[in-house]
Protein backbone atom coordinates (compact mmCIF):
# COMPACT_ATOMS: atom_id res chain seq x y z
CA UNK A 1 0.00 0.00 0.00
CA UNK A 2 2.84 2.40 0.83
CA UNK A 3 4.35 2.11 -2.60
CA UNK A 4 1.02 2.37 -4.44
CA UNK A 5 0.09 5.63 -2.69
CA UNK A 6 3.52 7.10 -3.42
CA UNK A 7 3.30 6.00 -7.06
CA UNK A 8 -0.08 7.68 -7.39
CA UNK A 9 1.44 10.92 -6.11
CA UNK A 10 4.45 10.57 -8.45
CA UNK A 11 2.07 10.11 -11.39
CA UNK A 12 0.03 13.16 -10.30
CA UNK A 13 3.20 15.30 -10.20
CA UNK A 14 4.17 14.02 -13.64
CA UNK A 15 0.66 14.85 -14.91
CA UNK A 16 1.06 18.38 -13.53
CA UNK A 17 4.40 18.70 -15.34
CA UNK A 18 2.68 17.64 -18.57
CA UNK A 19 -0.10 20.17 -18.07
CA UNK A 20 -2.73 17.44 -17.65
CA UNK A 21 -3.48 18.35 -14.03
CA UNK A 22 -3.90 21.76 -12.41
CA UNK A 23 -1.05 22.85 -10.16
CA UNK A 24 -3.40 23.60 -7.27
CA UNK A 25 -4.45 19.93 -7.23
CA UNK A 26 -0.95 18.74 -6.35
CA UNK A 27 0.21 21.73 -4.30
CA UNK A 28 -0.82 20.26 -0.90
CA UNK A 29 1.33 17.23 -1.67
CA UNK A 30 4.54 19.12 -2.50
CA UNK A 31 7.03 20.87 -0.28
CA UNK A 32 7.38 24.59 -0.96
CA UNK A 33 10.70 23.94 -2.71
CA UNK A 34 9.25 21.22 -4.98
CA UNK A 35 6.19 23.36 -5.75
CA UNK A 36 8.38 26.33 -6.73
CA UNK A 37 10.33 24.04 -9.04
CA UNK A 38 7.08 22.79 -10.60
CA UNK A 39 5.89 26.37 -11.12
CA UNK A 40 9.18 27.40 -12.71
CA UNK A 41 8.88 24.56 -15.24
CA UNK A 42 5.23 25.37 -15.93
CA UNK A 43 6.00 29.07 -16.42
CA UNK A 44 8.78 28.43 -18.94
CA UNK A 45 7.44 28.94 -22.45
CA UNK A 46 9.80 26.32 -23.87
CA UNK A 47 8.74 23.62 -21.37
CA UNK A 48 6.31 21.46 -23.29
CA UNK A 49 6.47 17.71 -22.73
CA UNK A 50 5.62 15.72 -25.84
CA UNK A 51 6.51 12.27 -24.50
CA UNK A 52 7.06 10.42 -21.24
CA UNK A 53 9.17 7.33 -20.63
CA UNK A 54 8.53 4.69 -17.97
CA UNK A 55 8.73 5.63 -14.29
CA UNK A 56 11.31 3.75 -12.20
CA UNK A 57 10.99 3.59 -8.45
CA UNK A 58 13.40 2.88 -5.58
CA UNK A 59 12.78 2.83 -1.85
CA UNK A 60 16.08 3.92 -0.25
CA UNK A 61 14.51 4.10 3.21
CA UNK A 62 11.31 2.94 4.89
CA UNK A 63 9.48 6.25 4.51
CA UNK A 64 11.02 7.58 1.32
CA UNK A 65 10.73 6.83 -2.35
CA UNK A 66 12.69 8.06 -5.33
CA UNK A 67 11.10 8.00 -8.78
CA UNK A 68 12.89 8.71 -12.03
CA UNK A 69 12.01 8.65 -15.66
CA UNK A 70 12.44 10.57 -18.86
CA UNK A 71 10.44 13.32 -20.50
CA UNK A 72 10.67 14.49 -24.09
CA UNK A 73 10.87 18.24 -24.63
CA UNK A 74 11.04 19.08 -28.33
CA UNK A 75 13.65 16.69 -29.76
CA UNK A 76 15.49 15.98 -26.47
CA UNK A 77 14.86 13.36 -23.79
CA UNK A 78 15.67 14.65 -20.31
CA UNK A 79 15.82 12.88 -16.96
CA UNK A 80 13.08 13.65 -14.47
CA UNK A 81 13.59 12.80 -10.80
CA UNK A 82 11.48 13.27 -7.71
CA UNK A 83 11.82 12.38 -4.06
CA UNK A 84 8.81 11.55 -1.93
CA UNK A 85 8.91 11.39 1.84
CA UNK A 86 6.27 10.28 4.29
CA UNK A 87 5.54 11.71 7.69
CA UNK A 88 1.76 11.72 8.17
CA UNK A 89 1.18 11.43 4.42
CA UNK A 90 3.31 11.32 1.29
CA UNK A 91 4.82 14.58 0.09
CA UNK A 92 7.07 15.31 -2.87
CA UNK A 93 10.09 17.02 -1.34
CA UNK A 94 12.20 17.51 -4.47
CA UNK A 95 11.51 17.66 -8.20
CA UNK A 96 14.04 18.06 -11.00
CA UNK A 97 14.12 17.87 -14.77
CA UNK A 98 17.84 17.46 -15.37
CA UNK A 99 19.16 19.57 -18.21
CA UNK A 100 16.26 22.02 -18.34
CA UNK A 101 17.08 25.52 -17.08
CA UNK A 102 14.41 26.33 -14.49
PDB file of N, CA and C in Angstrom:
ATOM      1  N   UNK A   1       0.830  -1.204   0.000  1.00  0.00           N
ATOM      2  CA  UNK A   1       0.000   0.000   0.000  1.00  0.00           C
ATOM      3  C   UNK A   1       0.868   1.259   0.000  1.00  0.00           C
ATOM      4  N   UNK A   2       1.951   1.231   0.759  1.00  0.00           N
ATOM      5  CA  UNK A   2       2.837   2.397   0.834  1.00  0.00           C
ATOM      6  C   UNK A   2       3.326   2.794  -0.551  1.00  0.00           C
ATOM      7  N   UNK A   3       3.778   1.822  -1.298  1.00  0.00           N
ATOM      8  CA  UNK A   3       4.349   2.111  -2.603  1.00  0.00           C
ATOM      9  C   UNK A   3       3.273   2.576  -3.591  1.00  0.00           C
ATOM     10  N   UNK A   4       2.097   1.990  -3.536  1.00  0.00           N
ATOM     11  CA  UNK A   4       1.018   2.370  -4.439  1.00  0.00           C
ATOM     12  C   UNK A   4       0.600   3.820  -4.223  1.00  0.00           C
ATOM     13  N   UNK A   5       0.451   4.246  -2.986  1.00  0.00           N
ATOM     14  CA  UNK A   5       0.090   5.628  -2.687  1.00  0.00           C
ATOM     15  C   UNK A   5       1.166   6.588  -3.187  1.00  0.00           C
ATOM     16  N   UNK A   6       2.415   6.254  -2.963  1.00  0.00           N
ATOM     17  CA  UNK A   6       3.517   7.098  -3.422  1.00  0.00           C
ATOM     18  C   UNK A   6       3.559   7.143  -4.943  1.00  0.00           C
ATOM     19  N   UNK A   7       3.315   6.023  -5.599  1.00  0.00           N
ATOM     20  CA  UNK A   7       3.305   6.005  -7.063  1.00  0.00           C
ATOM     21  C   UNK A   7       2.177   6.853  -7.621  1.00  0.00           C
ATOM     22  N   UNK A   8       1.040   6.848  -6.963  1.00  0.00           N
ATOM     23  CA  UNK A   8      -0.084   7.683  -7.386  1.00  0.00           C
ATOM     24  C   UNK A   8       0.304   9.151  -7.310  1.00  0.00           C
ATOM     25  N   UNK A   9       0.983   9.539  -6.244  1.00  0.00           N
ATOM     26  CA  UNK A   9       1.444  10.920  -6.110  1.00  0.00           C
ATOM     27  C   UNK A   9       2.483  11.245  -7.176  1.00  0.00           C
ATOM     28  N   UNK A  10       3.427  10.341  -7.414  1.00  0.00           N
ATOM     29  CA  UNK A  10       4.446  10.571  -8.445  1.00  0.00           C
ATOM     30  C   UNK A  10       3.790  10.772  -9.810  1.00  0.00           C
ATOM     31  N   UNK A  11       2.782   9.968 -10.112  1.00  0.00           N
ATOM     32  CA  UNK A  11       2.073  10.108 -11.386  1.00  0.00           C
ATOM     33  C   UNK A  11       1.331  11.443 -11.451  1.00  0.00           C
ATOM     34  N   UNK A  12       0.742  11.880 -10.335  1.00  0.00           N
ATOM     35  CA  UNK A  12       0.029  13.164 -10.304  1.00  0.00           C
ATOM     36  C   UNK A  12       0.998  14.323 -10.556  1.00  0.00           C
ATOM     37  N   UNK A  13       2.195  14.256  -9.982  1.00  0.00           N
ATOM     38  CA  UNK A  13       3.197  15.299 -10.205  1.00  0.00           C
ATOM     39  C   UNK A  13       3.621  15.299 -11.676  1.00  0.00           C
ATOM     40  N   UNK A  14       3.811  14.118 -12.225  1.00  0.00           N
ATOM     41  CA  UNK A  14       4.168  14.015 -13.644  1.00  0.00           C
ATOM     42  C   UNK A  14       3.044  14.565 -14.525  1.00  0.00           C
ATOM     43  N   UNK A  15       1.798  14.288 -14.165  1.00  0.00           N
ATOM     44  CA  UNK A  15       0.657  14.845 -14.907  1.00  0.00           C
ATOM     45  C   UNK A  15       0.655  16.372 -14.835  1.00  0.00           C
ATOM     46  N   UNK A  16       0.997  16.924 -13.677  1.00  0.00           N
ATOM     47  CA  UNK A  16       1.061  18.384 -13.532  1.00  0.00           C
ATOM     48  C   UNK A  16       2.180  18.956 -14.402  1.00  0.00           C
ATOM     49  N   UNK A  17       3.313  18.271 -14.463  1.00  0.00           N
ATOM     50  CA  UNK A  17       4.403  18.702 -15.341  1.00  0.00           C
ATOM     51  C   UNK A  17       3.961  18.718 -16.806  1.00  0.00           C
ATOM     52  N   UNK A  18       3.148  17.749 -17.182  1.00  0.00           N
ATOM     53  CA  UNK A  18       2.684  17.641 -18.573  1.00  0.00           C
ATOM     54  C   UNK A  18       1.551  18.605 -18.880  1.00  0.00           C
ATOM     55  N   UNK A  19       1.011  19.264 -17.855  1.00  0.00           N
ATOM     56  CA  UNK A  19      -0.103  20.170 -18.072  1.00  0.00           C
ATOM     57  C   UNK A  19      -1.444  19.466 -18.094  1.00  0.00           C
ATOM     58  N   UNK A  20      -1.497  18.217 -17.664  1.00  0.00           N
ATOM     59  CA  UNK A  20      -2.732  17.444 -17.650  1.00  0.00           C
ATOM     60  C   UNK A  20      -3.493  17.579 -16.335  1.00  0.00           C
ATOM     61  N   UNK A  21      -2.866  18.174 -15.345  1.00  0.00           N
ATOM     62  CA  UNK A  21      -3.476  18.348 -14.028  1.00  0.00           C
ATOM     63  C   UNK A  21      -3.154  19.758 -13.544  1.00  0.00           C
ATOM     64  N   UNK A  22      -4.113  20.405 -12.922  1.00  0.00           N
ATOM     65  CA  UNK A  22      -3.902  21.765 -12.407  1.00  0.00           C
ATOM     66  C   UNK A  22      -2.897  21.747 -11.262  1.00  0.00           C
ATOM     67  N   UNK A  23      -2.071  22.772 -11.206  1.00  0.00           N
ATOM     68  CA  UNK A  23      -1.045  22.849 -10.161  1.00  0.00           C
ATOM     69  C   UNK A  23      -1.656  22.863  -8.759  1.00  0.00           C
ATOM     70  N   UNK A  24      -2.810  23.523  -8.599  1.00  0.00           N
ATOM     71  CA  UNK A  24      -3.401  23.596  -7.266  1.00  0.00           C
ATOM     72  C   UNK A  24      -3.866  22.229  -6.763  1.00  0.00           C
ATOM     73  N   UNK A  25      -4.049  21.269  -7.660  1.00  0.00           N
ATOM     74  CA  UNK A  25      -4.448  19.931  -7.232  1.00  0.00           C
ATOM     75  C   UNK A  25      -3.310  19.189  -6.537  1.00  0.00           C
ATOM     76  N   UNK A  26      -2.085  19.446  -6.949  1.00  0.00           N
ATOM     77  CA  UNK A  26      -0.946  18.740  -6.351  1.00  0.00           C
ATOM     78  C   UNK A  26      -0.223  19.566  -5.296  1.00  0.00           C
ATOM     79  N   UNK A  27      -0.508  20.853  -5.233  1.00  0.00           N
ATOM     80  CA  UNK A  27       0.207  21.734  -4.299  1.00  0.00           C
ATOM     81  C   UNK A  27       0.236  21.234  -2.851  1.00  0.00           C
ATOM     82  N   UNK A  28      -0.873  20.734  -2.295  1.00  0.00           N
ATOM     83  CA  UNK A  28      -0.823  20.264  -0.900  1.00  0.00           C
ATOM     84  C   UNK A  28       0.118  19.076  -0.691  1.00  0.00           C
ATOM     85  N   UNK A  29       0.508  18.421  -1.775  1.00  0.00           N
ATOM     86  CA  UNK A  29       1.334  17.226  -1.671  1.00  0.00           C
ATOM     87  C   UNK A  29       2.791  17.482  -2.029  1.00  0.00           C
ATOM     88  N   UNK A  30       3.163  18.743  -2.178  1.00  0.00           N
ATOM     89  CA  UNK A  30       4.536  19.117  -2.500  1.00  0.00           C
ATOM     90  C   UNK A  30       5.087  20.047  -1.433  1.00  0.00           C
ATOM     91  N   UNK A  31       6.369  19.904  -1.154  1.00  0.00           N
ATOM     92  CA  UNK A  31       7.027  20.872  -0.276  1.00  0.00           C
ATOM     93  C   UNK A  31       7.059  22.200  -1.011  1.00  0.00           C
ATOM     94  N   UNK A  32       7.335  23.280  -0.291  1.00  0.00           N
ATOM     95  CA  UNK A  32       7.375  24.591  -0.957  1.00  0.00           C
ATOM     96  C   UNK A  32       8.474  24.623  -2.020  1.00  0.00           C
ATOM     97  N   UNK A  33       9.587  23.984  -1.750  1.00  0.00           N
ATOM     98  CA  UNK A  33      10.697  23.938  -2.713  1.00  0.00           C
ATOM     99  C   UNK A  33      10.290  23.188  -3.984  1.00  0.00           C
ATOM    100  N   UNK A  34       9.664  22.014  -3.827  1.00  0.00           N
ATOM    101  CA  UNK A  34       9.245  21.222  -4.982  1.00  0.00           C
ATOM    102  C   UNK A  34       8.158  21.956  -5.768  1.00  0.00           C
ATOM    103  N   UNK A  35       7.250  22.632  -5.057  1.00  0.00           N
ATOM    104  CA  UNK A  35       6.193  23.359  -5.754  1.00  0.00           C
ATOM    105  C   UNK A  35       6.780  24.525  -6.556  1.00  0.00           C
ATOM    106  N   UNK A  36       7.737  25.236  -5.997  1.00  0.00           N
ATOM    107  CA  UNK A  36       8.375  26.333  -6.735  1.00  0.00           C
ATOM    108  C   UNK A  36       9.072  25.812  -7.987  1.00  0.00           C
ATOM    109  N   UNK A  37       9.671  24.642  -7.875  1.00  0.00           N
ATOM    110  CA  UNK A  37      10.332  24.041  -9.035  1.00  0.00           C
ATOM    111  C   UNK A  37       9.293  23.702 -10.108  1.00  0.00           C
ATOM    112  N   UNK A  38       8.168  23.121  -9.681  1.00  0.00           N
ATOM    113  CA  UNK A  38       7.084  22.791 -10.603  1.00  0.00           C
ATOM    114  C   UNK A  38       6.554  24.041 -11.306  1.00  0.00           C
ATOM    115  N   UNK A  39       6.374  25.108 -10.549  1.00  0.00           N
ATOM    116  CA  UNK A  39       5.886  26.367 -11.115  1.00  0.00           C
ATOM    117  C   UNK A  39       6.888  26.935 -12.124  1.00  0.00           C
ATOM    118  N   UNK A  40       8.168  26.843 -11.793  1.00  0.00           N
ATOM    119  CA  UNK A  40       9.177  27.397 -12.714  1.00  0.00           C
ATOM    120  C   UNK A  40       9.185  26.638 -14.036  1.00  0.00           C
ATOM    121  N   UNK A  41       8.979  25.310 -13.990  1.00  0.00           N
ATOM    122  CA  UNK A  41       8.877  24.556 -15.242  1.00  0.00           C
ATOM    123  C   UNK A  41       7.619  24.957 -15.997  1.00  0.00           C
ATOM    124  N   UNK A  42       6.511  25.048 -15.290  1.00  0.00           N
ATOM    125  CA  UNK A  42       5.230  25.372 -15.927  1.00  0.00           C
ATOM    126  C   UNK A  42       5.228  26.757 -16.547  1.00  0.00           C
ATOM    127  N   UNK A  43       5.943  27.699 -15.930  1.00  0.00           N
ATOM    128  CA  UNK A  43       5.996  29.072 -16.423  1.00  0.00           C
ATOM    129  C   UNK A  43       6.916  29.245 -17.633  1.00  0.00           C
ATOM    130  N   UNK A  44       7.829  28.302 -17.833  1.00  0.00           N
ATOM    131  CA  UNK A  44       8.778  28.425 -18.943  1.00  0.00           C
ATOM    132  C   UNK A  44       8.065  28.139 -20.266  1.00  0.00           C
ATOM    133  N   UNK A  45       8.130  29.073 -21.170  1.00  0.00           N
ATOM    134  CA  UNK A  45       7.443  28.942 -22.455  1.00  0.00           C
ATOM    135  C   UNK A  45       7.952  27.747 -23.260  1.00  0.00           C
ATOM    136  N   UNK A  46       9.215  27.408 -23.076  1.00  0.00           N
ATOM    137  CA  UNK A  46       9.800  26.318 -23.871  1.00  0.00           C
ATOM    138  C   UNK A  46       9.611  24.951 -23.224  1.00  0.00           C
ATOM    139  N   UNK A  47       8.944  24.898 -22.057  1.00  0.00           N
ATOM    140  CA  UNK A  47       8.738  23.621 -21.366  1.00  0.00           C
ATOM    141  C   UNK A  47       7.420  23.016 -21.825  1.00  0.00           C
ATOM    142  N   UNK A  48       7.498  22.132 -22.777  1.00  0.00           N
ATOM    143  CA  UNK A  48       6.311  21.457 -23.293  1.00  0.00           C
ATOM    144  C   UNK A  48       6.662  19.997 -23.523  1.00  0.00           C
ATOM    145  N   UNK A  49       6.152  19.138 -22.665  1.00  0.00           N
ATOM    146  CA  UNK A  49       6.468  17.715 -22.735  1.00  0.00           C
ATOM    147  C   UNK A  49       5.636  17.060 -23.831  1.00  0.00           C
ATOM    148  N   UNK A  50       6.330  16.406 -24.758  1.00  0.00           N
ATOM    149  CA  UNK A  50       5.620  15.724 -25.836  1.00  0.00           C
ATOM    150  C   UNK A  50       5.654  14.211 -25.680  1.00  0.00           C
ATOM    151  N   UNK A  51       6.441  13.709 -24.743  1.00  0.00           N
ATOM    152  CA  UNK A  51       6.512  12.269 -24.503  1.00  0.00           C
ATOM    153  C   UNK A  51       7.011  11.990 -23.106  1.00  0.00           C
ATOM    154  N   UNK A  52       6.650  10.820 -22.585  1.00  0.00           N
ATOM    155  CA  UNK A  52       7.062  10.416 -21.242  1.00  0.00           C
ATOM    156  C   UNK A  52       7.513   8.969 -21.298  1.00  0.00           C
ATOM    157  N   UNK A  53       8.675   8.704 -20.715  1.00  0.00           N
ATOM    158  CA  UNK A  53       9.170   7.331 -20.633  1.00  0.00           C
ATOM    159  C   UNK A  53       8.643   6.657 -19.371  1.00  0.00           C
ATOM    160  N   UNK A  54       9.006   5.413 -19.150  1.00  0.00           N
ATOM    161  CA  UNK A  54       8.527   4.691 -17.967  1.00  0.00           C
ATOM    162  C   UNK A  54       9.097   5.285 -16.672  1.00  0.00           C
ATOM    163  N   UNK A  55       8.336   5.141 -15.613  1.00  0.00           N
ATOM    164  CA  UNK A  55       8.732   5.632 -14.290  1.00  0.00           C
ATOM    165  C   UNK A  55       9.402   4.487 -13.535  1.00  0.00           C
ATOM    166  N   UNK A  56      10.593   4.734 -13.005  1.00  0.00           N
ATOM    167  CA  UNK A  56      11.310   3.748 -12.203  1.00  0.00           C
ATOM    168  C   UNK A  56      11.293   4.197 -10.751  1.00  0.00           C
ATOM    169  N   UNK A  57      11.162   3.241  -9.856  1.00  0.00           N
ATOM    170  CA  UNK A  57      10.992   3.586  -8.451  1.00  0.00           C
ATOM    171  C   UNK A  57      11.968   2.803  -7.585  1.00  0.00           C
ATOM    172  N   UNK A  58      12.537   3.502  -6.592  1.00  0.00           N
ATOM    173  CA  UNK A  58      13.398   2.881  -5.580  1.00  0.00           C
ATOM    174  C   UNK A  58      12.925   3.328  -4.213  1.00  0.00           C
ATOM    175  N   UNK A  59      13.107   2.483  -3.235  1.00  0.00           N
ATOM    176  CA  UNK A  59      12.783   2.826  -1.846  1.00  0.00           C
ATOM    177  C   UNK A  59      14.065   2.792  -1.038  1.00  0.00           C
ATOM    178  N   UNK A  60      14.801   3.916  -0.962  1.00  0.00           N
ATOM    179  CA  UNK A  60      16.077   3.923  -0.253  1.00  0.00           C
ATOM    180  C   UNK A  60      15.934   3.844   1.265  1.00  0.00           C
ATOM    181  N   UNK A  61      14.772   4.175   1.770  1.00  0.00           N
ATOM    182  CA  UNK A  61      14.511   4.100   3.211  1.00  0.00           C
ATOM    183  C   UNK A  61      13.037   3.769   3.407  1.00  0.00           C
ATOM    184  N   UNK A  62      12.676   3.401   4.603  1.00  0.00           N
ATOM    185  CA  UNK A  62      11.315   2.943   4.894  1.00  0.00           C
ATOM    186  C   UNK A  62      10.248   3.961   4.496  1.00  0.00           C
ATOM    187  N   UNK A  63      10.474   5.220   4.769  1.00  0.00           N
ATOM    188  CA  UNK A  63       9.479   6.253   4.511  1.00  0.00           C
ATOM    189  C   UNK A  63       9.919   7.230   3.432  1.00  0.00           C
ATOM    190  N   UNK A  64      10.633   6.729   2.447  1.00  0.00           N
ATOM    191  CA  UNK A  64      11.016   7.582   1.317  1.00  0.00           C
ATOM    192  C   UNK A  64      11.001   6.758   0.037  1.00  0.00           C
ATOM    193  N   UNK A  65      10.794   7.467  -1.046  1.00  0.00           N
ATOM    194  CA  UNK A  65      10.730   6.830  -2.348  1.00  0.00           C
ATOM    195  C   UNK A  65      11.348   7.784  -3.359  1.00  0.00           C
ATOM    196  N   UNK A  66      12.103   7.250  -4.268  1.00  0.00           N
ATOM    197  CA  UNK A  66      12.693   8.055  -5.331  1.00  0.00           C
ATOM    198  C   UNK A  66      12.192   7.516  -6.664  1.00  0.00           C
ATOM    199  N   UNK A  67      11.625   8.385  -7.470  1.00  0.00           N
ATOM    200  CA  UNK A  67      11.098   8.004  -8.778  1.00  0.00           C
ATOM    201  C   UNK A  67      11.884   8.755  -9.846  1.00  0.00           C
ATOM    202  N   UNK A  68      12.181   8.059 -10.929  1.00  0.00           N
ATOM    203  CA  UNK A  68      12.889   8.706 -12.033  1.00  0.00           C
ATOM    204  C   UNK A  68      12.343   8.184 -13.349  1.00  0.00           C
ATOM    205  N   UNK A  69      12.461   9.010 -14.331  1.00  0.00           N
ATOM    206  CA  UNK A  69      12.006   8.647 -15.664  1.00  0.00           C
ATOM    207  C   UNK A  69      12.552   9.645 -16.661  1.00  0.00           C
ATOM    208  N   UNK A  70      12.000   9.633 -17.838  1.00  0.00           N
ATOM    209  CA  UNK A  70      12.435  10.572 -18.861  1.00  0.00           C
ATOM    210  C   UNK A  70      11.225  11.293 -19.441  1.00  0.00           C
ATOM    211  N   UNK A  71      11.467  12.529 -19.838  1.00  0.00           N
ATOM    212  CA  UNK A  71      10.436  13.324 -20.500  1.00  0.00           C
ATOM    213  C   UNK A  71      11.033  13.886 -21.784  1.00  0.00           C
ATOM    214  N   UNK A  72      10.215  13.950 -22.822  1.00  0.00           N
ATOM    215  CA  UNK A  72      10.674  14.494 -24.088  1.00  0.00           C
ATOM    216  C   UNK A  72      10.207  15.929 -24.219  1.00  0.00           C
ATOM    217  N   UNK A  73      11.159  16.826 -24.405  1.00  0.00           N
ATOM    218  CA  UNK A  73      10.875  18.239 -24.632  1.00  0.00           C
ATOM    219  C   UNK A  73      11.506  18.591 -25.984  1.00  0.00           C
ATOM    220  N   UNK A  74      10.630  18.894 -26.924  1.00  0.00           N
ATOM    221  CA  UNK A  74      11.037  19.076 -28.328  1.00  0.00           C
ATOM    222  C   UNK A  74      11.733  17.793 -28.801  1.00  0.00           C
ATOM    223  N   UNK A  75      12.968  17.873 -29.245  1.00  0.00           N
ATOM    224  CA  UNK A  75      13.652  16.685 -29.764  1.00  0.00           C
ATOM    225  C   UNK A  75      14.625  16.068 -28.762  1.00  0.00           C
ATOM    226  N   UNK A  76      14.553  16.486 -27.498  1.00  0.00           N
ATOM    227  CA  UNK A  76      15.485  15.977 -26.472  1.00  0.00           C
ATOM    228  C   UNK A  76      14.747  15.178 -25.411  1.00  0.00           C
ATOM    229  N   UNK A  77      15.371  14.123 -24.941  1.00  0.00           N
ATOM    230  CA  UNK A  77      14.861  13.362 -23.794  1.00  0.00           C
ATOM    231  C   UNK A  77      15.679  13.766 -22.577  1.00  0.00           C
ATOM    232  N   UNK A  78      15.009  14.204 -21.530  1.00  0.00           N
ATOM    233  CA  UNK A  78      15.666  14.654 -20.308  1.00  0.00           C
ATOM    234  C   UNK A  78      15.245  13.784 -19.130  1.00  0.00           C
ATOM    235  N   UNK A  79      16.128  13.652 -18.170  1.00  0.00           N
ATOM    236  CA  UNK A  79      15.819  12.881 -16.961  1.00  0.00           C
ATOM    237  C   UNK A  79      14.929  13.698 -16.033  1.00  0.00           C
ATOM    238  N   UNK A  80      13.966  13.035 -15.447  1.00  0.00           N
ATOM    239  CA  UNK A  80      13.078  13.648 -14.469  1.00  0.00           C
ATOM    240  C   UNK A  80      13.198  12.832 -13.190  1.00  0.00           C
ATOM    241  N   UNK A  81      13.439  13.495 -12.077  1.00  0.00           N
ATOM    242  CA  UNK A  81      13.592  12.797 -10.802  1.00  0.00           C
ATOM    243  C   UNK A  81      12.782  13.497  -9.725  1.00  0.00           C
ATOM    244  N   UNK A  82      12.204  12.707  -8.850  1.00  0.00           N
ATOM    245  CA  UNK A  82      11.484  13.272  -7.710  1.00  0.00           C
ATOM    246  C   UNK A  82      11.700  12.414  -6.489  1.00  0.00           C
ATOM    247  N   UNK A  83      11.677  13.065  -5.354  1.00  0.00           N
ATOM    248  CA  UNK A  83      11.817  12.382  -4.065  1.00  0.00           C
ATOM    249  C   UNK A  83      10.525  12.582  -3.294  1.00  0.00           C
ATOM    250  N   UNK A  84      10.026  11.506  -2.739  1.00  0.00           N
ATOM    251  CA  UNK A  84       8.814  11.553  -1.928  1.00  0.00           C
ATOM    252  C   UNK A  84       9.144  11.050  -0.538  1.00  0.00           C
ATOM    253  N   UNK A  85       8.686  11.761   0.455  1.00  0.00           N
ATOM    254  CA  UNK A  85       8.912  11.385   1.844  1.00  0.00           C
ATOM    255  C   UNK A  85       7.572  11.314   2.556  1.00  0.00           C
ATOM    256  N   UNK A  86       7.511  10.435   3.560  1.00  0.00           N
ATOM    257  CA  UNK A  86       6.267  10.275   4.293  1.00  0.00           C
ATOM    258  C   UNK A  86       6.480  10.579   5.762  1.00  0.00           C
ATOM    259  N   UNK A  87       5.647  11.481   6.257  1.00  0.00           N
ATOM    260  CA  UNK A  87       5.543  11.711   7.694  1.00  0.00           C
ATOM    261  C   UNK A  87       4.134  11.260   8.070  1.00  0.00           C
ATOM    262  N   UNK A  88       3.154  12.140   7.992  1.00  0.00           N
ATOM    263  CA  UNK A  88       1.761  11.720   8.168  1.00  0.00           C
ATOM    264  C   UNK A  88       1.198  11.200   6.850  1.00  0.00           C
ATOM    265  N   UNK A  89       1.591  11.850   5.757  1.00  0.00           N
ATOM    266  CA  UNK A  89       1.176  11.429   4.421  1.00  0.00           C
ATOM    267  C   UNK A  89       2.350  11.656   3.471  1.00  0.00           C
ATOM    268  N   UNK A  90       2.241  11.157   2.268  1.00  0.00           N
ATOM    269  CA  UNK A  90       3.314  11.317   1.288  1.00  0.00           C
ATOM    270  C   UNK A  90       3.367  12.746   0.777  1.00  0.00           C
ATOM    271  N   UNK A  91       4.599  13.234   0.617  1.00  0.00           N
ATOM    272  CA  UNK A  91       4.815  14.581   0.088  1.00  0.00           C
ATOM    273  C   UNK A  91       6.047  14.540  -0.810  1.00  0.00           C
ATOM    274  N   UNK A  92       5.928  15.195  -1.969  1.00  0.00           N
ATOM    275  CA  UNK A  92       7.069  15.310  -2.873  1.00  0.00           C
ATOM    276  C   UNK A  92       7.977  16.411  -2.325  1.00  0.00           C
ATOM    277  N   UNK A  93       9.184  16.041  -1.955  1.00  0.00           N
ATOM    278  CA  UNK A  93      10.090  17.016  -1.343  1.00  0.00           C
ATOM    279  C   UNK A  93      11.087  17.614  -2.329  1.00  0.00           C
ATOM    280  N   UNK A  94      11.269  16.967  -3.481  1.00  0.00           N
ATOM    281  CA  UNK A  94      12.203  17.510  -4.472  1.00  0.00           C
ATOM    282  C   UNK A  94      11.761  17.056  -5.857  1.00  0.00           C
ATOM    283  N   UNK A  95      11.922  17.925  -6.825  1.00  0.00           N
ATOM    284  CA  UNK A  95      11.511  17.661  -8.202  1.00  0.00           C
ATOM    285  C   UNK A  95      12.521  18.302  -9.137  1.00  0.00           C
ATOM    286  N   UNK A  96      13.054  17.527 -10.051  1.00  0.00           N
ATOM    287  CA  UNK A  96      14.041  18.061 -11.004  1.00  0.00           C
ATOM    288  C   UNK A  96      13.835  17.483 -12.394  1.00  0.00           C
ATOM    289  N   UNK A  97      13.986  18.319 -13.382  1.00  0.00           N
ATOM    290  CA  UNK A  97      14.115  17.869 -14.765  1.00  0.00           C
ATOM    291  C   UNK A  97      15.538  18.246 -15.137  1.00  0.00           C
ATOM    292  N   UNK A  98      16.406  17.251 -15.175  1.00  0.00           N
ATOM    293  CA  UNK A  98      17.843  17.465 -15.368  1.00  0.00           C
ATOM    294  C   UNK A  98      18.107  17.927 -16.790  1.00  0.00           C
ATOM    295  N   UNK A  99      18.800  19.036 -16.912  1.00  0.00           N
ATOM    296  CA  UNK A  99      19.158  19.568 -18.215  1.00  0.00           C
ATOM    297  C   UNK A  99      18.232  20.671 -18.700  1.00  0.00           C
ATOM    298  N   UNK A 100      17.156  20.925 -17.967  1.00  0.00           N
ATOM    299  CA  UNK A 100      16.259  22.017 -18.344  1.00  0.00           C
ATOM    300  C   UNK A 100      16.502  23.190 -17.407  1.00  0.00           C
ATOM    301  N   UNK A 101      16.804  24.372 -17.941  1.00  0.00           N
ATOM    302  CA  UNK A 101      17.077  25.519 -17.076  1.00  0.00           C
ATOM    303  C   UNK A 101      15.784  26.077 -16.456  1.00  0.00           C
ATOM    304  N   UNK A 102      15.611  25.822 -15.175  1.00  0.00           N
ATOM    305  CA  UNK A 102      14.407  26.331 -14.490  1.00  0.00           C
ATOM    306  C   UNK A 102      14.801  27.225 -13.334  1.00  0.00           C
TER     307      UNK A 102
END
